Amino acid sequence: QVQLVESGGGLVQAGGSLRLSCAYSTRSAHMEAMGWFRQSPGKERDFVAAISWRGSNTWYGGFVKGRFTISRDNAGNILYLQMNNLSPEDTAVYSCAAITDPHSGSYFLPNSYAYWGQGTQVTVSS
């Protein structure tokens, strides 16, 4: 029902910025929220940010510390993640995800999200 395609990843130097995009197609599915997660080799998937579908409330992982901003372009059906002041520790595959079930659970947990994109690699060099 929901298709997600990320883009915008790449190689950037420490202190630089990237903007990730996630083009979504909902096909009239009920949408509850969308989020970004990241995963590095050998590590668990970490919550980065989420935005509610109604009201556009936002939440961020503790490590973000004001550096990232999640937003959504309703007209263009695109979810964004603006990332500033990147560090090598931000190197990971970043994936967008969608929640369609209002009872699915916490926005902070990957298991709450039913739909995932394929991911986009972000590499930050020192």
N, C-alpha and C. Protein backbone atom coordinates (compact mmCIF):
# COMPACT_ATOMS: atom_id res chain seq x y z
N GLN A 1 0.81 -1.21 0.00
CA GLN A 1 0.00 0.00 0.00
C GLN A 1 0.84 1.26 0.00
N VAL A 2 1.94 1.23 0.71
CA VAL A 2 2.80 2.41 0.83
C VAL A 2 4.16 2.08 0.22
N GLN A 3 4.62 2.93 -0.66
CA GLN A 3 5.94 2.76 -1.25
C GLN A 3 6.82 3.94 -0.87
N LEU A 4 8.07 3.63 -0.56
CA LEU A 4 9.01 4.65 -0.09
C LEU A 4 10.32 4.50 -0.85
N VAL A 5 10.85 5.62 -1.33
CA VAL A 5 12.11 5.59 -2.07
C VAL A 5 12.99 6.73 -1.58
N GLU A 6 14.13 6.37 -0.96
CA GLU A 6 15.04 7.38 -0.44
C GLU A 6 16.04 7.82 -1.49
N SER A 7 16.56 9.03 -1.30
CA SER A 7 17.64 9.55 -2.13
C SER A 7 18.35 10.63 -1.34
N GLY A 8 19.50 11.05 -1.85
CA GLY A 8 20.21 12.16 -1.24
C GLY A 8 21.42 11.79 -0.42
N GLY A 9 21.66 10.50 -0.23
CA GLY A 9 22.84 10.11 0.51
C GLY A 9 24.10 10.38 -0.27
N GLY A 10 25.24 10.19 0.39
CA GLY A 10 26.51 10.40 -0.29
C GLY A 10 27.65 10.57 0.68
N LEU A 11 28.75 11.07 0.17
CA LEU A 11 29.96 11.29 0.95
C LEU A 11 30.09 12.78 1.25
N VAL A 12 30.31 13.09 2.51
CA VAL A 12 30.45 14.48 2.93
C VAL A 12 31.53 14.57 3.99
N GLN A 13 32.19 15.69 4.08
CA GLN A 13 33.21 15.88 5.10
C GLN A 13 32.56 16.26 6.43
N ALA A 14 33.28 15.97 7.48
CA ALA A 14 32.79 16.33 8.81
C ALA A 14 32.49 17.82 8.87
N GLY A 15 31.36 18.15 9.51
CA GLY A 15 30.92 19.53 9.56
C GLY A 15 30.00 19.93 8.43
N GLY A 16 29.89 19.08 7.43
CA GLY A 16 29.06 19.38 6.26
C GLY A 16 27.61 19.03 6.48
N SER A 17 26.83 19.19 5.42
CA SER A 17 25.38 18.96 5.48
C SER A 17 24.93 18.08 4.34
N LEU A 18 23.83 17.40 4.57
CA LEU A 18 23.14 16.62 3.53
C LEU A 18 21.65 16.73 3.78
N ARG A 19 20.89 16.65 2.70
CA ARG A 19 19.45 16.56 2.84
C ARG A 19 18.98 15.27 2.18
N LEU A 20 18.41 14.42 2.98
CA LEU A 20 17.84 13.18 2.48
C LEU A 20 16.38 13.40 2.10
N SER A 21 15.97 12.71 1.05
CA SER A 21 14.58 12.76 0.61
C SER A 21 13.99 11.37 0.59
N CYS A 22 12.71 11.30 0.84
CA CYS A 22 11.99 10.03 0.78
C CYS A 22 10.68 10.30 0.04
N ALA A 23 10.63 9.87 -1.21
CA ALA A 23 9.41 10.01 -1.99
C ALA A 23 8.44 8.91 -1.59
N TYR A 24 7.23 9.30 -1.23
CA TYR A 24 6.28 8.29 -0.77
C TYR A 24 5.02 8.28 -1.59
N SER A 25 4.45 7.09 -1.69
CA SER A 25 3.17 6.89 -2.34
C SER A 25 2.29 6.13 -1.37
N THR A 26 1.18 6.74 -0.98
CA THR A 26 0.34 6.13 0.05
C THR A 26 -0.82 5.33 -0.51
N ARG A 27 -1.19 5.61 -1.76
CA ARG A 27 -2.29 4.89 -2.40
C ARG A 27 -3.54 4.86 -1.53
N SER A 28 -3.83 6.02 -0.95
CA SER A 28 -5.03 6.20 -0.12
C SER A 28 -4.97 5.44 1.20
N ALA A 29 -3.80 4.90 1.55
CA ALA A 29 -3.67 4.23 2.84
C ALA A 29 -3.77 5.25 3.97
N HIS A 30 -4.29 4.83 5.11
CA HIS A 30 -4.29 5.70 6.28
C HIS A 30 -2.86 5.84 6.77
N MET A 31 -2.41 7.08 6.95
CA MET A 31 -1.06 7.33 7.41
C MET A 31 -1.11 7.88 8.84
N GLU A 32 -0.25 7.35 9.67
CA GLU A 32 -0.20 7.77 11.07
C GLU A 32 1.03 8.63 11.33
N ALA A 33 2.18 8.20 10.82
CA ALA A 33 3.42 8.92 11.03
C ALA A 33 4.48 8.39 10.06
N MET A 34 5.53 9.16 9.91
CA MET A 34 6.69 8.72 9.14
C MET A 34 7.95 9.00 9.94
N GLY A 35 8.98 8.24 9.67
CA GLY A 35 10.20 8.40 10.44
C GLY A 35 11.44 8.09 9.64
N TRP A 36 12.57 8.43 10.24
CA TRP A 36 13.89 8.09 9.71
C TRP A 36 14.63 7.27 10.76
N PHE A 37 15.28 6.23 10.30
CA PHE A 37 16.14 5.40 11.13
C PHE A 37 17.49 5.27 10.44
N ARG A 38 18.49 4.86 11.20
CA ARG A 38 19.80 4.62 10.60
C ARG A 38 20.41 3.37 11.22
N GLN A 39 21.28 2.75 10.43
CA GLN A 39 21.93 1.53 10.90
C GLN A 39 23.34 1.46 10.35
N SER A 40 24.29 1.23 11.26
CA SER A 40 25.68 1.03 10.89
C SER A 40 25.99 -0.45 10.95
N PRO A 41 27.02 -0.91 10.24
CA PRO A 41 27.36 -2.35 10.26
C PRO A 41 27.61 -2.83 11.68
N GLY A 42 26.98 -3.93 12.04
CA GLY A 42 27.17 -4.53 13.34
C GLY A 42 26.41 -3.86 14.47
N LYS A 43 25.61 -2.85 14.15
CA LYS A 43 24.85 -2.14 15.18
C LYS A 43 23.36 -2.26 14.93
N GLU A 44 22.60 -2.00 15.98
CA GLU A 44 21.16 -2.03 15.86
C GLU A 44 20.67 -0.79 15.11
N ARG A 45 19.45 -0.88 14.61
CA ARG A 45 18.83 0.25 13.93
C ARG A 45 18.45 1.31 14.95
N ASP A 46 18.88 2.53 14.73
CA ASP A 46 18.64 3.63 15.66
C ASP A 46 17.55 4.57 15.14
N PHE A 47 16.73 5.04 16.06
CA PHE A 47 15.73 6.04 15.73
C PHE A 47 16.41 7.39 15.51
N VAL A 48 16.07 8.05 14.41
CA VAL A 48 16.62 9.36 14.11
C VAL A 48 15.58 10.46 14.33
N ALA A 49 14.43 10.31 13.69
CA ALA A 49 13.40 11.35 13.78
C ALA A 49 12.07 10.80 13.29
N ALA A 50 10.99 11.42 13.74
CA ALA A 50 9.66 11.05 13.28
C ALA A 50 8.79 12.29 13.22
N ILE A 51 7.76 12.21 12.37
CA ILE A 51 6.82 13.31 12.22
C ILE A 51 5.42 12.72 12.12
N SER A 52 4.49 13.28 12.87
CA SER A 52 3.13 12.78 12.83
C SER A 52 2.45 13.23 11.54
N TRP A 53 1.48 12.44 11.12
CA TRP A 53 0.82 12.77 9.86
C TRP A 53 -0.11 13.97 10.01
N ARG A 54 -0.80 14.01 11.13
CA ARG A 54 -1.69 15.15 11.42
C ARG A 54 -1.01 16.02 12.46
N GLY A 55 -0.94 17.28 12.21
CA GLY A 55 -0.34 18.20 13.15
C GLY A 55 1.15 18.39 12.97
N SER A 56 1.80 17.44 12.29
CA SER A 56 3.24 17.54 12.02
C SER A 56 4.07 17.74 13.28
N ASN A 57 3.71 17.05 14.33
CA ASN A 57 4.57 17.05 15.51
C ASN A 57 5.83 16.24 15.18
N THR A 58 6.95 16.64 15.77
CA THR A 58 8.22 15.97 15.47
C THR A 58 8.91 15.48 16.73
N TRP A 59 9.69 14.43 16.56
CA TRP A 59 10.48 13.85 17.64
C TRP A 59 11.86 13.49 17.07
N TYR A 60 12.89 13.53 17.95
CA TYR A 60 14.24 13.27 17.50
C TYR A 60 14.96 12.35 18.48
N GLY A 61 15.90 11.58 17.94
CA GLY A 61 16.76 10.79 18.77
C GLY A 61 17.69 11.66 19.59
N GLY A 62 18.13 11.14 20.72
CA GLY A 62 18.95 11.94 21.63
C GLY A 62 20.25 12.44 21.03
N PHE A 63 20.80 11.68 20.10
CA PHE A 63 22.09 12.06 19.52
C PHE A 63 21.97 13.22 18.53
N VAL A 64 20.75 13.56 18.11
CA VAL A 64 20.57 14.58 17.09
C VAL A 64 21.00 15.95 17.60
N LYS A 65 20.60 16.31 18.78
CA LYS A 65 21.05 17.53 19.45
C LYS A 65 20.91 18.77 18.58
N GLY A 66 19.75 18.89 17.91
CA GLY A 66 19.46 20.09 17.14
C GLY A 66 20.10 20.14 15.77
N ARG A 67 20.80 19.11 15.36
CA ARG A 67 21.50 19.14 14.08
C ARG A 67 20.62 18.73 12.91
N PHE A 68 19.61 17.93 13.14
CA PHE A 68 18.77 17.39 12.07
C PHE A 68 17.37 17.97 12.17
N THR A 69 16.71 18.07 11.00
CA THR A 69 15.33 18.52 10.96
C THR A 69 14.53 17.63 10.03
N ILE A 70 13.44 17.08 10.53
CA ILE A 70 12.54 16.28 9.70
C ILE A 70 11.39 17.17 9.25
N SER A 71 10.99 17.03 8.00
CA SER A 71 9.88 17.81 7.48
C SER A 71 9.21 17.04 6.36
N ARG A 72 8.05 17.52 5.95
CA ARG A 72 7.29 16.81 4.93
C ARG A 72 6.68 17.81 3.97
N ASP A 73 6.80 17.53 2.68
CA ASP A 73 6.17 18.33 1.63
C ASP A 73 4.94 17.57 1.18
N ASN A 74 3.79 17.99 1.67
CA ASN A 74 2.56 17.26 1.38
C ASN A 74 2.22 17.31 -0.11
N ALA A 75 2.47 18.45 -0.73
CA ALA A 75 2.11 18.59 -2.14
C ALA A 75 2.96 17.68 -3.02
N GLY A 76 4.24 17.57 -2.67
CA GLY A 76 5.15 16.78 -3.47
C GLY A 76 5.31 15.35 -2.99
N ASN A 77 4.64 15.01 -1.88
CA ASN A 77 4.75 13.66 -1.31
C ASN A 77 6.20 13.28 -1.04
N ILE A 78 6.90 14.16 -0.36
CA ILE A 78 8.31 13.91 -0.04
C ILE A 78 8.54 14.17 1.45
N LEU A 79 9.22 13.25 2.07
CA LEU A 79 9.70 13.40 3.44
C LEU A 79 11.17 13.77 3.38
N TYR A 80 11.57 14.76 4.19
CA TYR A 80 12.96 15.21 4.18
C TYR A 80 13.62 14.97 5.53
N LEU A 81 14.94 14.86 5.48
CA LEU A 81 15.76 14.90 6.68
C LEU A 81 16.95 15.79 6.37
N GLN A 82 16.92 17.00 6.90
CA GLN A 82 18.04 17.92 6.75
C GLN A 82 19.04 17.63 7.86
N MET A 83 20.27 17.34 7.48
CA MET A 83 21.30 16.98 8.45
C MET A 83 22.45 17.99 8.35
N ASN A 84 22.74 18.65 9.45
CA ASN A 84 23.80 19.64 9.50
C ASN A 84 24.87 19.22 10.51
N ASN A 85 26.02 19.82 10.37
CA ASN A 85 27.14 19.56 11.28
C ASN A 85 27.37 18.06 11.46
N LEU A 86 27.50 17.37 10.37
CA LEU A 86 27.67 15.93 10.39
C LEU A 86 29.03 15.54 10.92
N SER A 87 29.08 14.41 11.58
CA SER A 87 30.33 13.86 12.11
C SER A 87 30.50 12.43 11.59
N PRO A 88 31.72 11.88 11.65
CA PRO A 88 31.91 10.49 11.19
C PRO A 88 30.99 9.50 11.90
N GLU A 89 30.58 9.81 13.13
CA GLU A 89 29.68 8.92 13.86
C GLU A 89 28.28 8.86 13.22
N ASP A 90 27.97 9.77 12.32
CA ASP A 90 26.69 9.76 11.63
C ASP A 90 26.70 8.85 10.40
N THR A 91 27.83 8.27 10.09
CA THR A 91 27.92 7.36 8.95
C THR A 91 27.03 6.15 9.17
N ALA A 92 26.14 5.90 8.23
CA ALA A 92 25.17 4.80 8.35
C ALA A 92 24.31 4.75 7.10
N VAL A 93 23.53 3.69 7.01
CA VAL A 93 22.46 3.63 6.02
C VAL A 93 21.22 4.23 6.66
N TYR A 94 20.66 5.22 6.01
CA TYR A 94 19.47 5.91 6.53
C TYR A 94 18.25 5.44 5.75
N SER A 95 17.21 5.08 6.50
CA SER A 95 15.99 4.57 5.88
C SER A 95 14.78 5.35 6.37
N CYS A 96 13.86 5.60 5.47
CA CYS A 96 12.59 6.18 5.90
C CYS A 96 11.57 5.05 6.08
N ALA A 97 10.57 5.32 6.89
CA ALA A 97 9.59 4.30 7.22
C ALA A 97 8.25 4.96 7.51
N ALA A 98 7.19 4.18 7.42
CA ALA A 98 5.85 4.72 7.60
C ALA A 98 5.03 3.83 8.53
N ILE A 99 4.22 4.48 9.34
CA ILE A 99 3.27 3.80 10.21
C ILE A 99 1.87 4.06 9.67
N THR A 100 1.10 3.00 9.47
CA THR A 100 -0.28 3.15 9.01
C THR A 100 -1.29 2.72 10.07
N ASP A 101 -0.86 2.01 11.07
CA ASP A 101 -1.74 1.52 12.13
C ASP A 101 -1.63 2.44 13.33
N PRO A 102 -2.72 3.11 13.73
CA PRO A 102 -2.65 4.03 14.88
C PRO A 102 -2.34 3.31 16.19
N HIS A 103 -2.43 2.00 16.22
CA HIS A 103 -2.16 1.23 17.45
C HIS A 103 -0.85 0.47 17.36
N SER A 104 0.02 0.86 16.46
CA SER A 104 1.23 0.08 16.21
C SER A 104 2.28 0.24 17.29
N GLY A 105 2.20 1.30 18.09
CA GLY A 105 3.18 1.47 19.15
C GLY A 105 3.98 2.74 19.02
N SER A 106 5.09 2.76 19.73
CA SER A 106 5.91 3.96 19.82
C SER A 106 6.56 4.32 18.49
N TYR A 107 6.58 5.60 18.19
CA TYR A 107 7.25 6.08 16.98
C TYR A 107 8.75 5.87 17.05
N PHE A 108 9.28 5.61 18.25
CA PHE A 108 10.72 5.48 18.44
C PHE A 108 11.22 4.06 18.11
N LEU A 109 10.31 3.12 17.94
CA LEU A 109 10.68 1.73 17.76
C LEU A 109 10.52 1.29 16.32
N PRO A 110 11.52 0.65 15.72
CA PRO A 110 11.42 0.20 14.33
C PRO A 110 10.26 -0.75 14.09
N ASN A 111 9.95 -1.57 15.06
CA ASN A 111 8.89 -2.55 14.87
C ASN A 111 7.50 -1.93 14.73
N SER A 112 7.39 -0.65 15.06
CA SER A 112 6.10 0.04 14.91
C SER A 112 5.81 0.41 13.46
N TYR A 113 6.83 0.38 12.62
CA TYR A 113 6.72 0.83 11.24
C TYR A 113 6.51 -0.37 10.32
N ALA A 114 5.46 -0.29 9.50
CA ALA A 114 5.12 -1.41 8.63
C ALA A 114 5.79 -1.32 7.26
N TYR A 115 6.16 -0.12 6.86
CA TYR A 115 6.70 0.07 5.52
C TYR A 115 8.06 0.76 5.59
N TRP A 116 8.98 0.27 4.73
CA TRP A 116 10.36 0.77 4.74
C TRP A 116 10.84 1.01 3.33
N GLY A 117 11.70 2.02 3.21
CA GLY A 117 12.40 2.21 1.96
C GLY A 117 13.64 1.32 1.92
N GLN A 118 14.37 1.42 0.83
CA GLN A 118 15.54 0.56 0.64
C GLN A 118 16.78 1.11 1.34
N GLY A 119 16.76 2.36 1.74
CA GLY A 119 17.88 2.95 2.45
C GLY A 119 18.82 3.70 1.53
N THR A 120 19.52 4.66 2.09
CA THR A 120 20.52 5.43 1.34
C THR A 120 21.74 5.61 2.23
N GLN A 121 22.91 5.40 1.66
CA GLN A 121 24.16 5.43 2.44
C GLN A 121 24.62 6.86 2.65
N VAL A 122 24.95 7.16 3.88
CA VAL A 122 25.57 8.43 4.24
C VAL A 122 26.93 8.14 4.84
N THR A 123 27.96 8.71 4.26
CA THR A 123 29.32 8.51 4.75
C THR A 123 29.93 9.87 5.05
N VAL A 124 30.40 10.02 6.28
CA VAL A 124 30.99 11.28 6.70
C VAL A 124 32.48 11.03 6.96
N SER A 125 33.31 11.72 6.25
CA SER A 125 34.76 11.56 6.41
C SER A 125 35.30 12.58 7.40
N SER A 126 36.37 12.17 8.07
CA SER A 126 36.96 13.08 9.08
C SER A 126 37.98 14.00 8.46
